[in-house]
Amino acid sequence: MPRKKKSNSWLGVILLIFITAIGSAILVLQFNKELRYRIESYLISAPDLTEELKVEHAFRNFPGGILGIDVSEYQGKINFRGLQLQLEEHPIQFVFIRASMGDDGVDGKFRQNWEGFGKLPVKRGAYHYYRPNENSARQAENFIKTTQLKSGDLIPVLDIEKHSTIQSKDRLVEGLKNWLKIVEEHYGVKPIIYTGDRFFWEVLYNQGFDRYPIWVANYNMIRKPQTDGWLIWQFSEKGKLAGIKEKIDLNIWRGDQTDLEQMLLP
């Protein structure tokens, strides 16, 4: 009897050690996950430390993607002769240039940027910054008058980022659809809609905008855009290129060269 009792005691100790080891392993794994998440989260917010990591992350998720940029007067005067159209091993193959803002605004560098990129081996397109408190029809007319896009240019883009302070969400949605309708009738193609992940879910989701190509901004390296069916992901707002003094937005086009060609005006 005493020997049997001793054997049971040892069995219990071994079992306790085994359970403790398993529990410790689980805790270590959970800790490592949390630690990894915290480190990556810190890196995302650390200034100028993660642009290479963001590029790597974007192309790791979408290895067949195409790199592009977008510019406006905020980038200042671009040195087109010294402009570097390469970021690490990825060539820059498309650019969107801000053309107009609201019902009467014109980007101060649009003509210069449009002509400059027109001489380079990139696909160029133009976008309109939508002011939610201004008339949608006049905004569409301003964009059309300013851009005068031609065959071979990228299809037009509507940039909507802010809520209206003078009208309801339904009225804003109505205005956006009116802008899209006018520009679509003029150019014969459905424009791209540029917006942020949050704004898409707050305003555009389930409102009939899924018929349009979506260009979505989300700068979080850990999470890909939550918006469904996006065409372009603006994954960074702090990119740097030789020839441009100010920081620029970096974008990945989900698809290959054939997909990019299909988004040109006929």
C-alpha atoms as a PDB file:
ATOM      1  CA  MET A   1       0.000   0.000   0.000  1.00  0.00           C
ATOM      2  CA  PRO A   2       2.658   2.643   0.825  1.00  0.00           C
ATOM      3  CA  ARG A   3       4.470   2.001  -2.516  1.00  0.00           C
ATOM      4  CA  LYS A   4       1.271   2.441  -4.506  1.00  0.00           C
ATOM      5  CA  LYS A   5       0.551   5.684  -2.702  1.00  0.00           C
ATOM      6  CA  LYS A   6       4.048   6.961  -3.520  1.00  0.00           C
ATOM      7  CA  SER A   7       3.606   6.048  -7.215  1.00  0.00           C
ATOM      8  CA  ASN A   8       0.328   7.986  -7.379  1.00  0.00           C
ATOM      9  CA  SER A   9       2.007  11.014  -5.815  1.00  0.00           C
ATOM     10  CA  TRP A  10       4.754  11.026  -8.432  1.00  0.00           C
ATOM     11  CA  LEU A  11       2.178  10.669 -11.191  1.00  0.00           C
ATOM     12  CA  GLY A  12       0.357  13.692  -9.835  1.00  0.00           C
ATOM     13  CA  VAL A  13       3.551  15.742  -9.703  1.00  0.00           C
ATOM     14  CA  ILE A  14       4.451  14.829 -13.288  1.00  0.00           C
ATOM     15  CA  LEU A  15       0.946  15.659 -14.454  1.00  0.00           C
ATOM     16  CA  LEU A  16       1.095  19.014 -12.642  1.00  0.00           C
ATOM     17  CA  ILE A  17       4.456  19.824 -14.252  1.00  0.00           C
ATOM     18  CA  PHE A  18       3.091  18.905 -17.696  1.00  0.00           C
ATOM     19  CA  ILE A  19      -0.011  21.069 -17.282  1.00  0.00           C
ATOM     20  CA  THR A  20       2.112  23.966 -15.999  1.00  0.00           C
ATOM     21  CA  ALA A  21       4.483  23.657 -18.961  1.00  0.00           C
ATOM     22  CA  ILE A  22       1.588  23.687 -21.448  1.00  0.00           C
ATOM     23  CA  GLY A  23       0.050  26.690 -19.730  1.00  0.00           C
ATOM     24  CA  SER A  24       3.376  28.528 -19.747  1.00  0.00           C
ATOM     25  CA  ALA A  25       3.857  27.791 -23.438  1.00  0.00           C
ATOM     26  CA  ILE A  26       0.412  29.205 -24.232  1.00  0.00           C
ATOM     27  CA  LEU A  27       1.146  32.308 -22.172  1.00  0.00           C
ATOM     28  CA  VAL A  28       4.484  32.776 -23.945  1.00  0.00           C
ATOM     29  CA  LEU A  29       2.815  32.482 -27.340  1.00  0.00           C
ATOM     30  CA  GLN A  30       0.128  34.957 -26.343  1.00  0.00           C
ATOM     31  CA  PHE A  31       2.740  37.305 -24.918  1.00  0.00           C
ATOM     32  CA  ASN A  32       4.809  37.103 -28.091  1.00  0.00           C
ATOM     33  CA  LYS A  33       1.735  37.875 -30.199  1.00  0.00           C
ATOM     34  CA  GLU A  34       0.887  40.869 -28.050  1.00  0.00           C
ATOM     35  CA  LEU A  35       4.518  41.979 -27.967  1.00  0.00           C
ATOM     36  CA  ARG A  36       4.778  41.705 -31.743  1.00  0.00           C
ATOM     37  CA  TYR A  37       1.575  43.683 -32.165  1.00  0.00           C
ATOM     38  CA  ARG A  38       2.786  46.420 -29.808  1.00  0.00           C
ATOM     39  CA  ILE A  39       6.167  46.673 -31.526  1.00  0.00           C
ATOM     40  CA  GLU A  40       4.565  46.899 -34.971  1.00  0.00           C
ATOM     41  CA  SER A  41       2.034  49.424 -33.704  1.00  0.00           C
ATOM     42  CA  TYR A  42       4.853  51.552 -32.340  1.00  0.00           C
ATOM     43  CA  LEU A  43       6.758  51.347 -35.603  1.00  0.00           C
ATOM     44  CA  ILE A  44       3.679  52.447 -37.531  1.00  0.00           C
ATOM     45  CA  SER A  45       3.443  55.633 -35.499  1.00  0.00           C
ATOM     46  CA  ALA A  46       7.182  56.311 -35.416  1.00  0.00           C
ATOM     47  CA  PRO A  47       8.019  59.131 -37.866  1.00  0.00           C
ATOM     48  CA  ASP A  48       9.956  58.238 -41.020  1.00  0.00           C
ATOM     49  CA  LEU A  49      10.922  54.790 -39.737  1.00  0.00           C
ATOM     50  CA  THR A  50       8.405  52.588 -41.453  1.00  0.00           C
ATOM     51  CA  GLU A  51       7.992  53.667 -45.062  1.00  0.00           C
ATOM     52  CA  GLU A  52      10.229  50.871 -46.320  1.00  0.00           C
ATOM     53  CA  LEU A  53       8.354  48.443 -44.072  1.00  0.00           C
ATOM     54  CA  LYS A  54       5.022  49.703 -45.398  1.00  0.00           C
ATOM     55  CA  VAL A  55       6.124  49.234 -48.997  1.00  0.00           C
ATOM     56  CA  GLU A  56       7.360  45.749 -48.149  1.00  0.00           C
ATOM     57  CA  HIS A  57       4.114  44.930 -46.350  1.00  0.00           C
ATOM     58  CA  ALA A  58       1.899  46.176 -49.197  1.00  0.00           C
ATOM     59  CA  PHE A  59       3.753  44.168 -51.827  1.00  0.00           C
ATOM     60  CA  ARG A  60       3.993  41.114 -49.602  1.00  0.00           C
ATOM     61  CA  ASN A  61       0.192  41.093 -49.456  1.00  0.00           C
ATOM     62  CA  PHE A  62      -0.227  41.983 -53.128  1.00  0.00           C
ATOM     63  CA  PRO A  63       2.952  40.835 -54.926  1.00  0.00           C
ATOM     64  CA  GLY A  64       1.518  41.561 -58.359  1.00  0.00           C
ATOM     65  CA  GLY A  65       0.517  45.120 -57.440  1.00  0.00           C
ATOM     66  CA  ILE A  66       1.632  48.316 -59.162  1.00  0.00           C
ATOM     67  CA  LEU A  67       3.159  51.269 -57.319  1.00  0.00           C
ATOM     68  CA  GLY A  68       1.891  54.797 -57.857  1.00  0.00           C
ATOM     69  CA  ILE A  69       1.806  58.245 -56.251  1.00  0.00           C
ATOM     70  CA  ASP A  70      -0.511  61.247 -56.089  1.00  0.00           C
ATOM     71  CA  VAL A  71       0.506  64.892 -55.917  1.00  0.00           C
ATOM     72  CA  SER A  72      -0.913  68.370 -55.523  1.00  0.00           C
ATOM     73  CA  GLU A  73       0.347  71.894 -54.883  1.00  0.00           C
ATOM     74  CA  TYR A  74       1.269  70.741 -51.377  1.00  0.00           C
ATOM     75  CA  GLN A  75       4.298  68.950 -52.851  1.00  0.00           C
ATOM     76  CA  GLY A  76       5.614  72.291 -54.105  1.00  0.00           C
ATOM     77  CA  LYS A  77       7.597  72.631 -57.317  1.00  0.00           C
ATOM     78  CA  ILE A  78       8.624  69.204 -58.589  1.00  0.00           C
ATOM     79  CA  ASN A  79      12.031  68.788 -60.196  1.00  0.00           C
ATOM     80  CA  PHE A  80      10.946  66.636 -63.128  1.00  0.00           C
ATOM     81  CA  ARG A  81      14.472  66.333 -64.515  1.00  0.00           C
ATOM     82  CA  GLY A  82      15.708  64.899 -61.251  1.00  0.00           C
ATOM     83  CA  LEU A  83      12.546  62.975 -60.381  1.00  0.00           C
ATOM     84  CA  GLN A  84      13.181  59.403 -59.310  1.00  0.00           C
ATOM     85  CA  LEU A  85      10.508  57.032 -60.606  1.00  0.00           C
ATOM     86  CA  GLN A  86      11.666  54.111 -58.496  1.00  0.00           C
ATOM     87  CA  LEU A  87      11.103  53.177 -54.859  1.00  0.00           C
ATOM     88  CA  GLU A  88      13.375  50.353 -53.761  1.00  0.00           C
ATOM     89  CA  GLU A  89      12.884  47.700 -56.477  1.00  0.00           C
ATOM     90  CA  HIS A  90       9.396  48.950 -57.446  1.00  0.00           C
ATOM     91  CA  PRO A  91       8.951  51.316 -60.417  1.00  0.00           C
ATOM     92  CA  ILE A  92       6.330  54.053 -60.128  1.00  0.00           C
ATOM     93  CA  GLN A  93       3.893  53.463 -62.968  1.00  0.00           C
ATOM     94  CA  PHE A  94       0.975  55.798 -62.317  1.00  0.00           C
ATOM     95  CA  VAL A  95       0.275  59.200 -60.802  1.00  0.00           C
ATOM     96  CA  PHE A  96      -2.912  61.046 -59.897  1.00  0.00           C
ATOM     97  CA  ILE A  97      -2.702  64.847 -59.916  1.00  0.00           C
ATOM     98  CA  ARG A  98      -5.109  67.125 -58.089  1.00  0.00           C
ATOM     99  CA  ALA A  99      -6.868  69.321 -60.629  1.00  0.00           C
ATOM    100  CA  SER A 100      -9.698  71.128 -58.866  1.00  0.00           C
ATOM    101  CA  MET A 101     -11.341  71.775 -55.508  1.00  0.00           C
ATOM    102  CA  GLY A 102     -14.963  72.628 -54.877  1.00  0.00           C
ATOM    103  CA  ASP A 103     -17.015  74.677 -57.306  1.00  0.00           C
ATOM    104  CA  ASP A 104     -14.290  77.126 -58.390  1.00  0.00           C
ATOM    105  CA  GLY A 105     -10.894  76.089 -57.020  1.00  0.00           C
ATOM    106  CA  VAL A 106      -8.010  75.026 -59.256  1.00  0.00           C
ATOM    107  CA  ASP A 107      -4.844  73.440 -57.868  1.00  0.00           C
ATOM    108  CA  GLY A 108      -2.021  75.942 -58.224  1.00  0.00           C
ATOM    109  CA  LYS A 109       0.405  73.333 -59.597  1.00  0.00           C
ATOM    110  CA  PHE A 110      -2.002  71.333 -61.758  1.00  0.00           C
ATOM    111  CA  ARG A 111      -0.874  72.586 -65.174  1.00  0.00           C
ATOM    112  CA  GLN A 112       2.790  72.316 -64.301  1.00  0.00           C
ATOM    113  CA  ASN A 113       2.369  68.832 -62.819  1.00  0.00           C
ATOM    114  CA  TRP A 114       0.151  67.642 -65.674  1.00  0.00           C
ATOM    115  CA  GLU A 115       2.642  68.719 -68.318  1.00  0.00           C
ATOM    116  CA  GLY A 116       5.639  67.457 -66.330  1.00  0.00           C
ATOM    117  CA  PHE A 117       4.300  63.948 -65.791  1.00  0.00           C
ATOM    118  CA  GLY A 118       3.056  63.861 -69.375  1.00  0.00           C
ATOM    119  CA  LYS A 119       6.692  63.696 -70.508  1.00  0.00           C
ATOM    120  CA  LEU A 120       7.514  60.754 -68.241  1.00  0.00           C
ATOM    121  CA  PRO A 121       6.828  57.010 -68.670  1.00  0.00           C
ATOM    122  CA  VAL A 122       3.890  56.907 -66.220  1.00  0.00           C
ATOM    123  CA  LYS A 123       0.126  56.757 -66.582  1.00  0.00           C
ATOM    124  CA  ARG A 124      -1.357  60.028 -65.353  1.00  0.00           C
ATOM    125  CA  GLY A 125      -4.819  60.908 -64.109  1.00  0.00           C
ATOM    126  CA  ALA A 126      -6.585  63.809 -62.412  1.00  0.00           C
ATOM    127  CA  TYR A 127      -8.736  64.067 -59.306  1.00  0.00           C
ATOM    128  CA  HIS A 128     -11.234  66.520 -57.884  1.00  0.00           C
ATOM    129  CA  TYR A 129     -11.326  67.375 -54.178  1.00  0.00           C
ATOM    130  CA  TYR A 130     -15.005  67.475 -53.256  1.00  0.00           C
ATOM    131  CA  ARG A 131     -16.126  70.171 -50.837  1.00  0.00           C
ATOM    132  CA  PRO A 132     -19.236  68.781 -49.113  1.00  0.00           C
ATOM    133  CA  ASN A 133     -20.811  72.201 -48.467  1.00  0.00           C
ATOM    134  CA  GLU A 134     -20.703  73.341 -52.112  1.00  0.00           C
ATOM    135  CA  ASN A 135     -22.941  72.680 -55.126  1.00  0.00           C
ATOM    136  CA  SER A 136     -22.223  69.285 -56.736  1.00  0.00           C
ATOM    137  CA  ALA A 137     -23.109  70.284 -60.316  1.00  0.00           C
ATOM    138  CA  ARG A 138     -20.812  73.308 -60.246  1.00  0.00           C
ATOM    139  CA  GLN A 139     -18.062  71.151 -58.762  1.00  0.00           C
ATOM    140  CA  ALA A 140     -18.404  68.654 -61.626  1.00  0.00           C
ATOM    141  CA  GLU A 141     -18.332  71.484 -64.173  1.00  0.00           C
ATOM    142  CA  ASN A 142     -15.217  72.918 -62.527  1.00  0.00           C
ATOM    143  CA  PHE A 143     -13.428  69.576 -62.796  1.00  0.00           C
ATOM    144  CA  ILE A 144     -14.412  69.024 -66.434  1.00  0.00           C
ATOM    145  CA  LYS A 145     -13.387  72.547 -67.416  1.00  0.00           C
ATOM    146  CA  THR A 146     -10.040  72.228 -65.613  1.00  0.00           C
ATOM    147  CA  THR A 147      -8.972  68.754 -66.709  1.00  0.00           C
ATOM    148  CA  GLN A 148     -10.018  68.122 -70.319  1.00  0.00           C
ATOM    149  CA  LEU A 149      -8.849  64.505 -70.076  1.00  0.00           C
ATOM    150  CA  LYS A 150      -8.041  62.634 -73.285  1.00  0.00           C
ATOM    151  CA  SER A 151      -7.689  59.067 -74.543  1.00  0.00           C
ATOM    152  CA  GLY A 152      -4.887  57.277 -72.720  1.00  0.00           C
ATOM    153  CA  ASP A 153      -5.309  59.248 -69.487  1.00  0.00           C
ATOM    154  CA  LEU A 154      -6.471  57.444 -66.356  1.00  0.00           C
ATOM    155  CA  ILE A 155     -10.163  57.683 -65.613  1.00  0.00           C
ATOM    156  CA  PRO A 156     -11.264  60.645 -63.435  1.00  0.00           C
ATOM    157  CA  VAL A 157     -11.315  60.527 -59.642  1.00  0.00           C
ATOM    158  CA  LEU A 158     -13.681  62.002 -57.038  1.00  0.00           C
ATOM    159  CA  ASP A 159     -11.925  62.651 -53.714  1.00  0.00           C
ATOM    160  CA  ILE A 160     -14.414  62.738 -50.816  1.00  0.00           C
ATOM    161  CA  GLU A 161     -13.085  62.787 -47.260  1.00  0.00           C
ATOM    162  CA  LYS A 162     -15.264  65.046 -45.103  1.00  0.00           C
ATOM    163  CA  HIS A 163     -18.818  65.261 -43.828  1.00  0.00           C
ATOM    164  CA  SER A 164     -20.988  68.254 -44.608  1.00  0.00           C
ATOM    165  CA  THR A 165     -21.623  70.787 -41.870  1.00  0.00           C
ATOM    166  CA  ILE A 166     -24.750  72.253 -43.501  1.00  0.00           C
ATOM    167  CA  GLN A 167     -26.634  69.268 -44.904  1.00  0.00           C
ATOM    168  CA  SER A 168     -27.602  65.724 -43.955  1.00  0.00           C
ATOM    169  CA  LYS A 169     -25.711  62.589 -44.932  1.00  0.00           C
ATOM    170  CA  ASP A 170     -28.487  61.712 -47.380  1.00  0.00           C
ATOM    171  CA  ARG A 171     -28.129  65.067 -49.115  1.00  0.00           C
ATOM    172  CA  LEU A 172     -24.354  64.623 -49.269  1.00  0.00           C
ATOM    173  CA  VAL A 173     -24.798  61.194 -50.841  1.00  0.00           C
ATOM    174  CA  GLU A 174     -27.204  62.704 -53.351  1.00  0.00           C
ATOM    175  CA  GLY A 175     -24.655  65.382 -54.267  1.00  0.00           C
ATOM    176  CA  LEU A 176     -21.859  62.837 -54.709  1.00  0.00           C
ATOM    177  CA  LYS A 177     -24.024  60.765 -57.023  1.00  0.00           C
ATOM    178  CA  ASN A 178     -24.849  63.875 -59.025  1.00  0.00           C
ATOM    179  CA  TRP A 179     -21.142  64.719 -59.467  1.00  0.00           C
ATOM    180  CA  LEU A 180     -20.405  61.157 -60.545  1.00  0.00           C
ATOM    181  CA  LYS A 181     -23.322  61.151 -62.978  1.00  0.00           C
ATOM    182  CA  ILE A 182     -22.265  64.404 -64.670  1.00  0.00           C
ATOM    183  CA  VAL A 183     -18.617  63.381 -65.006  1.00  0.00           C
ATOM    184  CA  GLU A 184     -19.546  59.882 -66.179  1.00  0.00           C
ATOM    185  CA  GLU A 185     -21.805  61.293 -68.879  1.00  0.00           C
ATOM    186  CA  HIS A 186     -19.048  63.645 -70.013  1.00  0.00           C
ATOM    187  CA  TYR A 187     -16.207  61.113 -70.168  1.00  0.00           C
ATOM    188  CA  GLY A 188     -18.204  57.945 -70.801  1.00  0.00           C
ATOM    189  CA  VAL A 189     -16.664  56.010 -67.875  1.00  0.00           C
ATOM    190  CA  LYS A 190     -17.422  55.506 -64.206  1.00  0.00           C
ATOM    191  CA  PRO A 191     -15.038  57.611 -62.106  1.00  0.00           C
ATOM    192  CA  ILE A 192     -12.929  56.229 -59.285  1.00  0.00           C
ATOM    193  CA  ILE A 193     -13.981  57.226 -55.762  1.00  0.00           C
ATOM    194  CA  TYR A 194     -11.153  58.085 -53.352  1.00  0.00           C
ATOM    195  CA  THR A 195     -11.996  58.017 -49.649  1.00  0.00           C
ATOM    196  CA  GLY A 196     -10.842  56.781 -46.251  1.00  0.00           C
ATOM    197  CA  ASP A 197     -11.789  53.438 -44.733  1.00  0.00           C
ATOM    198  CA  ARG A 198     -13.869  55.033 -41.975  1.00  0.00           C
ATOM    199  CA  PHE A 199     -15.640  57.491 -44.275  1.00  0.00           C
ATOM    200  CA  PHE A 200     -16.545  54.650 -46.632  1.00  0.00           C
ATOM    201  CA  TRP A 201     -18.323  52.752 -43.863  1.00  0.00           C
ATOM    202  CA  GLU A 202     -19.910  55.862 -42.364  1.00  0.00           C
ATOM    203  CA  VAL A 203     -21.244  57.398 -45.587  1.00  0.00           C
ATOM    204  CA  LEU A 204     -20.737  55.382 -48.764  1.00  0.00           C
ATOM    205  CA  TYR A 205     -21.392  51.805 -47.700  1.00  0.00           C
ATOM    206  CA  ASN A 206     -24.610  50.277 -49.018  1.00  0.00           C
ATOM    207  CA  GLN A 207     -25.522  53.481 -50.862  1.00  0.00           C
ATOM    208  CA  GLY A 208     -24.971  52.282 -54.421  1.00  0.00           C
ATOM    209  CA  PHE A 209     -21.321  53.298 -54.701  1.00  0.00           C
ATOM    210  CA  ASP A 210     -20.124  49.705 -55.055  1.00  0.00           C
ATOM    211  CA  ARG A 211     -20.577  50.112 -58.816  1.00  0.00           C
ATOM    212  CA  TYR A 212     -17.569  52.446 -58.862  1.00  0.00           C
ATOM    213  CA  PRO A 213     -13.863  51.573 -58.492  1.00  0.00           C
ATOM    214  CA  ILE A 214     -12.714  52.425 -54.971  1.00  0.00           C
ATOM    215  CA  TRP A 215      -9.386  53.990 -53.975  1.00  0.00           C
ATOM    216  CA  VAL A 216      -9.109  53.758 -50.205  1.00  0.00           C
ATOM    217  CA  ALA A 217      -6.720  55.355 -47.719  1.00  0.00           C
ATOM    218  CA  ASN A 218      -5.535  53.296 -44.755  1.00  0.00           C
ATOM    219  CA  TYR A 219      -2.068  53.909 -43.322  1.00  0.00           C
ATOM    220  CA  ASN A 220      -2.065  51.064 -40.789  1.00  0.00           C
ATOM    221  CA  MET A 221       0.618  48.546 -41.716  1.00  0.00           C
ATOM    222  CA  ILE A 222      -0.940  45.736 -39.721  1.00  0.00           C
ATOM    223  CA  ARG A 223      -4.478  45.870 -41.086  1.00  0.00           C
ATOM    224  CA  LYS A 224      -5.305  45.947 -44.763  1.00  0.00           C
ATOM    225  CA  PRO A 225      -8.200  48.195 -45.843  1.00  0.00           C
ATOM    226  CA  GLN A 226     -11.538  47.117 -44.436  1.00  0.00           C
ATOM    227  CA  THR A 227     -13.378  48.489 -47.478  1.00  0.00           C
ATOM    228  CA  ASP A 228     -14.546  45.685 -49.750  1.00  0.00           C
ATOM    229  CA  GLY A 229     -13.493  45.426 -53.379  1.00  0.00           C
ATOM    230  CA  TRP A 230     -11.009  48.300 -53.438  1.00  0.00           C
ATOM    231  CA  LEU A 231      -8.918  48.917 -56.552  1.00  0.00           C
ATOM    232  CA  ILE A 232      -6.173  51.137 -55.086  1.00  0.00           C
ATOM    233  CA  TRP A 233      -4.815  51.220 -51.543  1.00  0.00           C
ATOM    234  CA  GLN A 234      -3.132  54.418 -50.363  1.00  0.00           C
ATOM    235  CA  PHE A 235      -0.934  52.817 -47.723  1.00  0.00           C
ATOM    236  CA  SER A 236       1.329  55.731 -46.798  1.00  0.00           C
ATOM    237  CA  GLU A 237       1.259  59.521 -46.664  1.00  0.00           C
ATOM    238  CA  LYS A 238       4.960  59.899 -45.861  1.00  0.00           C
ATOM    239  CA  GLY A 239       6.714  58.588 -48.940  1.00  0.00           C
ATOM    240  CA  LYS A 240       9.854  60.273 -50.247  1.00  0.00           C
ATOM    241  CA  LEU A 241      11.202  60.562 -53.775  1.00  0.00           C
ATOM    242  CA  ALA A 242      14.225  62.356 -55.174  1.00  0.00           C
ATOM    243  CA  GLY A 243      12.933  65.378 -57.063  1.00  0.00           C
ATOM    244  CA  ILE A 244      10.050  66.084 -54.660  1.00  0.00           C
ATOM    245  CA  LYS A 245      10.923  67.979 -51.488  1.00  0.00           C
ATOM    246  CA  GLU A 246       7.716  67.294 -49.575  1.00  0.00           C
ATOM    247  CA  LYS A 247       6.348  63.926 -48.507  1.00  0.00           C
ATOM    248  CA  ILE A 248       4.012  62.153 -50.910  1.00  0.00           C
ATOM    249  CA  ASP A 249       1.251  59.564 -50.815  1.00  0.00           C
ATOM    250  CA  LEU A 250       2.136  56.022 -51.852  1.00  0.00           C
ATOM    251  CA  ASN A 251      -0.414  53.750 -53.491  1.00  0.00           C
ATOM    252  CA  ILE A 252      -0.612  50.161 -54.655  1.00  0.00           C
ATOM    253  CA  TRP A 253      -2.872  49.243 -57.557  1.00  0.00           C
ATOM    254  CA  ARG A 254      -4.325  45.784 -56.933  1.00  0.00           C
ATOM    255  CA  GLY A 255      -3.912  44.004 -60.242  1.00  0.00           C
ATOM    256  CA  ASP A 256      -1.420  43.712 -63.057  1.00  0.00           C
ATOM    257  CA  GLN A 257      -0.436  45.866 -66.005  1.00  0.00           C
ATOM    258  CA  THR A 258      -3.441  44.678 -68.002  1.00  0.00           C
ATOM    259  CA  ASP A 259      -5.791  45.848 -65.250  1.00  0.00           C
ATOM    260  CA  LEU A 260      -4.085  49.245 -65.225  1.00  0.00           C
ATOM    261  CA  GLU A 261      -4.457  49.574 -68.995  1.00  0.00           C
ATOM    262  CA  GLN A 262      -8.180  48.858 -68.672  1.00  0.00           C
ATOM    263  CA  MET A 263      -8.556  51.947 -66.483  1.00  0.00           C
ATOM    264  CA  LEU A 264      -7.443  54.333 -69.240  1.00  0.00           C
ATOM    265  CA  LEU A 265      -9.894  56.515 -71.119  1.00  0.00           C
ATOM    266  CA  PRO A 266     -10.719  54.941 -74.490  1.00  0.00           C
END
